[in-house]
Amino acid sequence: MKAFLNLFAFLRLMTFVSLAGLLLACEQSTDAPKNTNLTQQVTNNPEGVQNHLLYMEGPNGDFKLHYASSDRSLTPKDTLVFIHDSGEDSSSFRRYFQADNVKQKYRLIALDRPGWGKSTYAGEFPSRLEMQSQMLAPVIQNIWERNGKDKILLAGNGYGGALASLLAAEYPDFVRGVILINATLTSEQIHAAWYAPALRWLPRFLFSESWRREQLEQVDLEQSLSQAKDQLANLTQPVGWLQTVVAESAHPGSYMRLAKSLFQQADIHLTLIEETDKKLHQHHPEQVMRAVQAINLHSRY
């Protein structure tokens, strides 16, 4: 009888794993910590973009972090650092690097978060905001130092917006303003499959690694935001928030109340855009740069 029950339990488990695999196949979308062993490799490409690779040692082993810069000089300049959403990488901001009028005014930098693009990690995937903030702190400091220790601006979309907010709150000596682009900052904005919490133990061959990481970030984001609540409430740099909304839900008052509940000490510049497309940073760069310009000016005074 015991053997029969064990067999039944095994068959139930395999049925669940198979069902999860089928669902996954359908839903997959195509002061800063010091690191004394940090080394940096810099290469230039024909388009004038400078690629930086920072090699670092962590408690779980070596890893590298990548960012691309539009400006090869070390002259202090208004510097804008883009932080991408889950499932993307630094290339999602490519069109800004192709705009000469933008590059003339700003040093543009797009980084790859740990596990995305050319950036790696050691050990388990760092899906929590606080883990990524700690890993990226040396990159933010490196950019600040190469900018003559002139504070920088952070712009993040989706998950990257939440991370940009936390980085600004934790490292105000490096960051003077934040631009949020459809930032994921509430539980209602988090989109994860109902079975995503099981991804840590389901067989990895059932789904793509990129989709798995994307889902793990979404699963852990609510707890990370809850843990960072006090830090975000004490953020003092000005915040520019761009949010797409459908016409019937475009109530600026409710969004401003939400923003003030999250960033209680910050001056907030809210812009609502009636648009169903969430790729605001790709399809409306002029709106993004207006928000950047406003925060750039405001954070200087």
Protein backbone atom coordinates (compact mmCIF):
# COMPACT_ATOMS: atom_id res chain seq x y z
CA MET A 1 0.00 0.00 0.00
CA LYS A 2 2.83 2.42 0.88
CA ALA A 3 4.55 1.73 -2.44
CA PHE A 4 1.28 2.42 -4.27
CA LEU A 5 0.88 5.77 -2.46
CA ASN A 6 4.47 6.73 -3.29
CA LEU A 7 3.87 5.87 -6.95
CA PHE A 8 0.66 7.91 -6.94
CA ALA A 9 2.44 10.92 -5.42
CA PHE A 10 5.23 10.63 -8.03
CA LEU A 11 2.72 10.50 -10.89
CA ARG A 12 0.92 13.58 -9.52
CA LEU A 13 4.23 15.47 -9.35
CA MET A 14 5.19 14.56 -12.92
CA THR A 15 1.74 15.57 -14.15
CA PHE A 16 2.14 18.99 -12.51
CA VAL A 17 5.64 19.43 -13.95
CA SER A 18 4.40 18.56 -17.44
CA LEU A 19 1.46 20.95 -17.14
CA ALA A 20 3.75 23.73 -15.89
CA GLY A 21 6.10 23.13 -18.80
CA LEU A 22 3.24 23.40 -21.28
CA LEU A 23 2.01 26.63 -19.70
CA LEU A 24 5.50 28.06 -19.68
CA ALA A 25 5.98 27.29 -23.35
CA CYS A 26 2.80 29.21 -24.11
CA GLU A 27 3.57 32.23 -21.94
CA GLN A 28 7.29 32.85 -22.49
CA SER A 29 7.99 36.31 -23.89
CA THR A 30 10.15 36.36 -27.08
CA ASP A 31 28.18 54.72 0.82
CA ALA A 32 28.85 52.23 -1.74
CA PRO A 33 30.34 48.80 -1.09
CA LYS A 34 34.02 48.79 -1.99
CA ASN A 35 35.48 46.12 -4.24
CA THR A 36 39.24 46.18 -3.99
CA ASN A 37 39.57 43.63 -6.79
CA LEU A 38 37.54 45.58 -9.35
CA THR A 39 39.18 45.86 -12.76
CA GLN A 40 37.79 47.56 -15.84
CA GLN A 41 38.02 46.89 -19.56
CA VAL A 42 37.07 49.63 -22.02
CA THR A 43 36.51 49.11 -25.76
CA ASN A 44 35.25 51.41 -28.51
CA ASN A 45 33.05 50.44 -31.43
CA PRO A 46 32.84 52.16 -34.85
CA GLU A 47 29.56 53.88 -33.91
CA GLY A 48 31.31 55.86 -31.19
CA VAL A 49 29.87 53.89 -28.29
CA GLN A 50 32.31 53.00 -25.54
CA ASN A 51 31.72 49.66 -23.80
CA HIS A 52 32.83 49.19 -20.21
CA LEU A 53 33.18 45.82 -18.46
CA LEU A 54 33.78 45.84 -14.72
CA TYR A 55 35.19 42.58 -13.36
CA MET A 56 34.41 42.02 -9.70
CA GLU A 57 34.59 39.45 -6.98
CA GLY A 58 31.55 38.59 -4.87
CA PRO A 59 30.87 36.18 -2.01
CA ASN A 60 29.70 33.54 -4.52
CA GLY A 61 32.44 34.04 -7.12
CA ASP A 62 33.52 36.36 -9.92
CA PHE A 63 31.08 38.27 -12.11
CA LYS A 64 31.14 41.13 -14.60
CA LEU A 65 28.90 44.15 -15.19
CA HIS A 66 28.59 46.00 -18.48
CA TYR A 67 27.55 49.48 -19.48
CA ALA A 68 27.70 51.43 -22.75
CA SER A 69 28.57 55.13 -22.91
CA SER A 70 28.01 57.66 -25.69
CA ASP A 71 30.93 59.84 -24.62
CA ARG A 72 34.58 58.75 -24.46
CA SER A 73 35.78 61.83 -22.57
CA LEU A 74 36.29 62.21 -18.83
CA THR A 75 35.02 65.79 -18.87
CA PRO A 76 32.17 66.43 -16.40
CA LYS A 77 28.88 66.54 -18.28
CA ASP A 78 25.17 66.06 -17.57
CA THR A 79 25.07 62.27 -17.40
CA LEU A 80 21.93 60.15 -17.84
CA VAL A 81 22.06 56.45 -16.87
CA PHE A 82 19.33 54.17 -18.27
CA ILE A 83 18.26 51.06 -16.33
CA HIS A 84 16.18 48.52 -18.25
CA ASP A 85 13.10 46.46 -17.40
CA SER A 86 12.88 42.71 -16.81
CA GLY A 87 13.40 40.70 -19.98
CA GLU A 88 15.36 43.50 -21.68
CA ASP A 89 18.93 44.77 -21.73
CA SER A 90 20.84 47.97 -22.47
CA SER A 91 20.03 47.73 -26.19
CA SER A 92 16.42 48.76 -25.47
CA PHE A 93 17.74 52.36 -25.22
CA ARG A 94 19.66 52.23 -28.51
CA ARG A 95 17.60 54.91 -30.23
CA TYR A 96 18.72 57.54 -27.71
CA PHE A 97 22.35 56.84 -28.65
CA GLN A 98 21.41 57.49 -32.29
CA ALA A 99 20.01 60.97 -31.57
CA ASP A 100 22.80 63.51 -32.08
CA ASN A 101 20.86 66.33 -30.39
CA VAL A 102 20.49 64.22 -27.24
CA LYS A 103 24.14 63.14 -27.20
CA GLN A 104 25.31 66.73 -27.56
CA LYS A 105 23.56 67.68 -24.32
CA TYR A 106 23.97 64.50 -22.27
CA ARG A 107 26.47 61.75 -21.72
CA LEU A 108 24.20 58.73 -22.23
CA ILE A 109 24.88 55.49 -20.42
CA ALA A 110 22.89 52.27 -20.62
CA LEU A 111 23.79 49.46 -18.26
CA ASP A 112 23.02 45.76 -18.23
CA ARG A 113 21.63 44.59 -14.92
CA PRO A 114 23.07 41.35 -13.43
CA GLY A 115 22.07 38.40 -15.58
CA TRP A 116 21.01 40.49 -18.58
CA GLY A 117 22.87 41.47 -21.74
CA LYS A 118 26.63 41.29 -21.19
CA SER A 119 26.41 41.34 -17.39
CA THR A 120 26.73 38.13 -15.40
CA TYR A 121 26.32 36.97 -11.81
CA ALA A 122 27.72 34.26 -9.55
CA GLY A 123 25.64 31.71 -7.67
CA GLU A 124 21.86 32.02 -7.69
CA PHE A 125 20.24 34.68 -9.88
CA PRO A 126 19.96 37.95 -7.84
CA SER A 127 16.24 38.52 -8.36
CA ARG A 128 15.71 40.92 -5.44
CA LEU A 129 16.03 44.71 -5.73
CA GLU A 130 18.37 45.06 -2.78
CA MET A 131 20.74 42.45 -4.21
CA GLN A 132 20.93 44.21 -7.57
CA SER A 133 21.35 47.59 -5.92
CA GLN A 134 24.33 46.33 -3.94
CA MET A 135 25.90 44.73 -7.03
CA LEU A 136 25.40 47.84 -9.18
CA ALA A 137 26.65 50.33 -6.59
CA PRO A 138 30.28 50.05 -7.81
CA VAL A 139 29.08 50.72 -11.38
CA ILE A 140 27.20 53.86 -10.31
CA GLN A 141 30.26 54.99 -8.37
CA ASN A 142 32.51 54.27 -11.36
CA ILE A 143 30.31 56.39 -13.65
CA TRP A 144 30.23 59.19 -11.06
CA GLU A 145 34.02 59.15 -10.72
CA ARG A 146 34.52 59.19 -14.49
CA ASN A 147 32.20 62.20 -14.58
CA GLY A 148 34.54 64.22 -12.39
CA LYS A 149 32.49 63.29 -9.30
CA ASP A 150 29.58 65.31 -10.67
CA LYS A 151 26.29 63.68 -9.65
CA ILE A 152 24.31 61.79 -12.28
CA LEU A 153 20.68 61.20 -13.31
CA LEU A 154 19.05 57.75 -13.31
CA ALA A 155 16.20 56.78 -15.65
CA GLY A 156 14.54 53.39 -15.35
CA ASN A 157 11.59 51.69 -16.99
CA GLY A 158 9.49 48.95 -15.40
CA TYR A 159 11.60 46.99 -12.91
CA GLY A 160 14.46 49.34 -13.75
CA GLY A 161 12.41 52.24 -12.38
CA ALA A 162 12.05 50.53 -9.01
CA LEU A 163 15.79 49.81 -9.01
CA ALA A 164 16.67 53.39 -10.00
CA SER A 165 14.58 54.66 -7.08
CA LEU A 166 16.36 52.39 -4.60
CA LEU A 167 19.81 53.26 -5.97
CA ALA A 168 19.05 56.97 -5.63
CA ALA A 169 17.80 56.49 -2.07
CA GLU A 170 20.81 54.40 -1.05
CA TYR A 171 23.51 56.43 -2.82
CA PRO A 172 22.51 60.11 -2.79
CA ASP A 173 26.18 61.14 -3.04
CA PHE A 174 26.19 59.84 -6.63
CA VAL A 175 22.63 60.57 -7.85
CA ARG A 176 20.85 63.96 -8.08
CA GLY A 177 17.60 63.02 -9.83
CA VAL A 178 15.41 60.10 -10.96
CA ILE A 179 13.18 59.63 -14.00
CA LEU A 180 10.64 56.80 -13.79
CA ILE A 181 9.18 55.41 -17.03
CA ASN A 182 6.17 53.17 -16.36
CA ALA A 183 8.00 52.08 -13.22
CA THR A 184 6.80 48.96 -11.42
CA LEU A 185 6.26 50.26 -7.90
CA THR A 186 3.02 48.65 -6.67
CA SER A 187 1.72 45.12 -6.36
CA GLU A 188 -0.97 45.86 -8.97
CA GLN A 189 1.76 46.53 -11.57
CA ILE A 190 3.56 43.25 -10.99
CA HIS A 191 2.93 40.64 -13.68
CA ALA A 192 4.02 37.11 -12.84
CA ALA A 193 2.55 33.76 -13.78
CA TRP A 194 0.59 32.14 -10.94
CA TYR A 195 3.03 29.21 -10.88
CA ALA A 196 6.14 31.42 -11.07
CA PRO A 197 7.10 30.83 -7.40
CA ALA A 198 7.74 27.18 -8.33
CA LEU A 199 10.40 28.15 -10.90
CA ARG A 200 13.17 27.76 -8.35
CA TRP A 201 12.62 24.01 -8.19
CA LEU A 202 10.96 23.13 -11.50
CA PRO A 203 13.40 21.57 -14.04
CA ARG A 204 15.13 24.34 -16.00
CA PHE A 205 14.87 22.57 -19.35
CA LEU A 206 11.14 23.35 -19.38
CA PHE A 207 11.59 27.06 -20.07
CA SER A 208 14.06 29.62 -21.34
CA GLU A 209 16.51 31.06 -18.84
CA SER A 210 15.59 34.62 -19.83
CA TRP A 211 11.90 34.05 -19.12
CA ARG A 212 12.71 32.30 -15.84
CA ARG A 213 14.77 35.28 -14.64
CA GLU A 214 12.07 37.71 -15.69
CA GLN A 215 9.45 35.82 -13.69
CA LEU A 216 11.67 35.47 -10.62
CA GLU A 217 12.24 39.24 -10.59
CA GLN A 218 8.48 39.82 -10.68
CA VAL A 219 7.82 37.23 -7.97
CA ASP A 220 10.32 38.83 -5.56
CA LEU A 221 9.50 42.45 -6.39
CA GLU A 222 6.56 42.92 -4.03
CA GLN A 223 8.58 41.82 -1.00
CA SER A 224 11.56 43.91 -2.14
CA LEU A 225 9.38 47.02 -2.47
CA SER A 226 7.90 46.40 0.96
CA GLN A 227 11.39 46.09 2.44
CA ALA A 228 12.53 49.30 0.67
CA LYS A 229 9.45 51.32 1.70
CA ASP A 230 11.22 53.43 4.33
CA GLN A 231 14.20 54.10 2.07
CA LEU A 232 11.98 55.28 -0.79
CA ALA A 233 9.94 57.43 1.60
CA ASN A 234 13.14 59.25 2.58
CA LEU A 235 14.39 59.79 -0.99
CA THR A 236 15.03 63.54 -1.33
CA GLN A 237 16.11 63.92 -4.99
CA PRO A 238 13.48 65.20 -7.45
CA VAL A 239 11.51 62.50 -9.26
CA GLY A 240 10.06 62.70 -12.76
CA TRP A 241 7.35 60.05 -13.27
CA LEU A 242 5.97 59.22 -16.72
CA GLN A 243 3.04 56.80 -16.71
CA THR A 244 0.89 55.51 -19.56
CA VAL A 245 -2.81 55.24 -18.76
CA VAL A 246 -6.04 54.44 -20.57
CA ALA A 247 -8.31 57.46 -20.99
CA GLU A 248 -10.93 56.41 -18.44
CA SER A 249 -8.32 55.94 -15.68
CA ALA A 250 -6.35 59.13 -16.34
CA HIS A 251 -6.91 60.77 -12.96
CA PRO A 252 -3.81 62.84 -12.11
CA GLY A 253 -4.92 63.30 -8.51
CA SER A 254 -4.92 59.58 -7.72
CA TYR A 255 -1.52 59.05 -9.34
CA MET A 256 -0.04 62.02 -7.49
CA ARG A 257 -1.36 60.68 -4.18
CA LEU A 258 0.27 57.35 -4.97
CA ALA A 259 3.55 59.07 -5.86
CA LYS A 260 3.53 61.12 -2.65
CA SER A 261 2.80 58.03 -0.57
CA LEU A 262 5.87 56.34 -2.04
CA PHE A 263 8.28 59.31 -2.20
CA GLN A 264 7.25 61.38 0.79
CA GLN A 265 10.27 63.72 0.83
CA ALA A 266 10.76 64.21 -2.93
CA ASP A 267 9.55 66.86 -5.35
CA ILE A 268 7.53 64.95 -7.94
CA HIS A 269 6.90 65.86 -11.58
CA LEU A 270 4.09 63.61 -12.84
CA THR A 271 3.21 63.17 -16.51
CA LEU A 272 0.32 60.92 -17.60
CA ILE A 273 0.20 59.79 -21.22
CA GLU A 274 -2.94 58.27 -22.71
CA GLU A 275 -1.44 55.22 -24.34
CA THR A 276 -1.98 51.47 -24.11
CA ASP A 277 1.55 50.59 -25.25
CA LYS A 278 3.87 50.03 -22.29
CA LYS A 279 7.06 50.56 -24.34
CA LEU A 280 7.02 54.25 -23.58
CA HIS A 281 10.81 54.54 -23.52
CA GLN A 282 11.05 53.14 -27.06
CA HIS A 283 8.06 54.74 -28.75
CA HIS A 284 7.95 58.16 -27.09
CA PRO A 285 11.56 59.25 -26.55
CA GLU A 286 10.61 62.92 -26.88
CA GLN A 287 8.35 62.61 -23.81
CA VAL A 288 11.12 60.87 -21.90
CA MET A 289 13.65 63.56 -22.75
CA ARG A 290 11.25 66.33 -21.69
CA ALA A 291 11.00 64.69 -18.30
CA VAL A 292 14.78 64.29 -18.19
CA GLN A 293 15.26 67.97 -19.01
CA ALA A 294 12.86 69.03 -16.25
CA ILE A 295 14.59 66.92 -13.60
CA ASN A 296 18.02 67.93 -14.89
CA LEU A 297 17.21 71.60 -14.37
CA HIS A 298 15.34 71.11 -11.10
CA SER A 299 18.08 69.00 -9.51
CA ARG A 300 20.67 71.71 -10.17
CA TYR A 301 19.02 74.10 -7.70
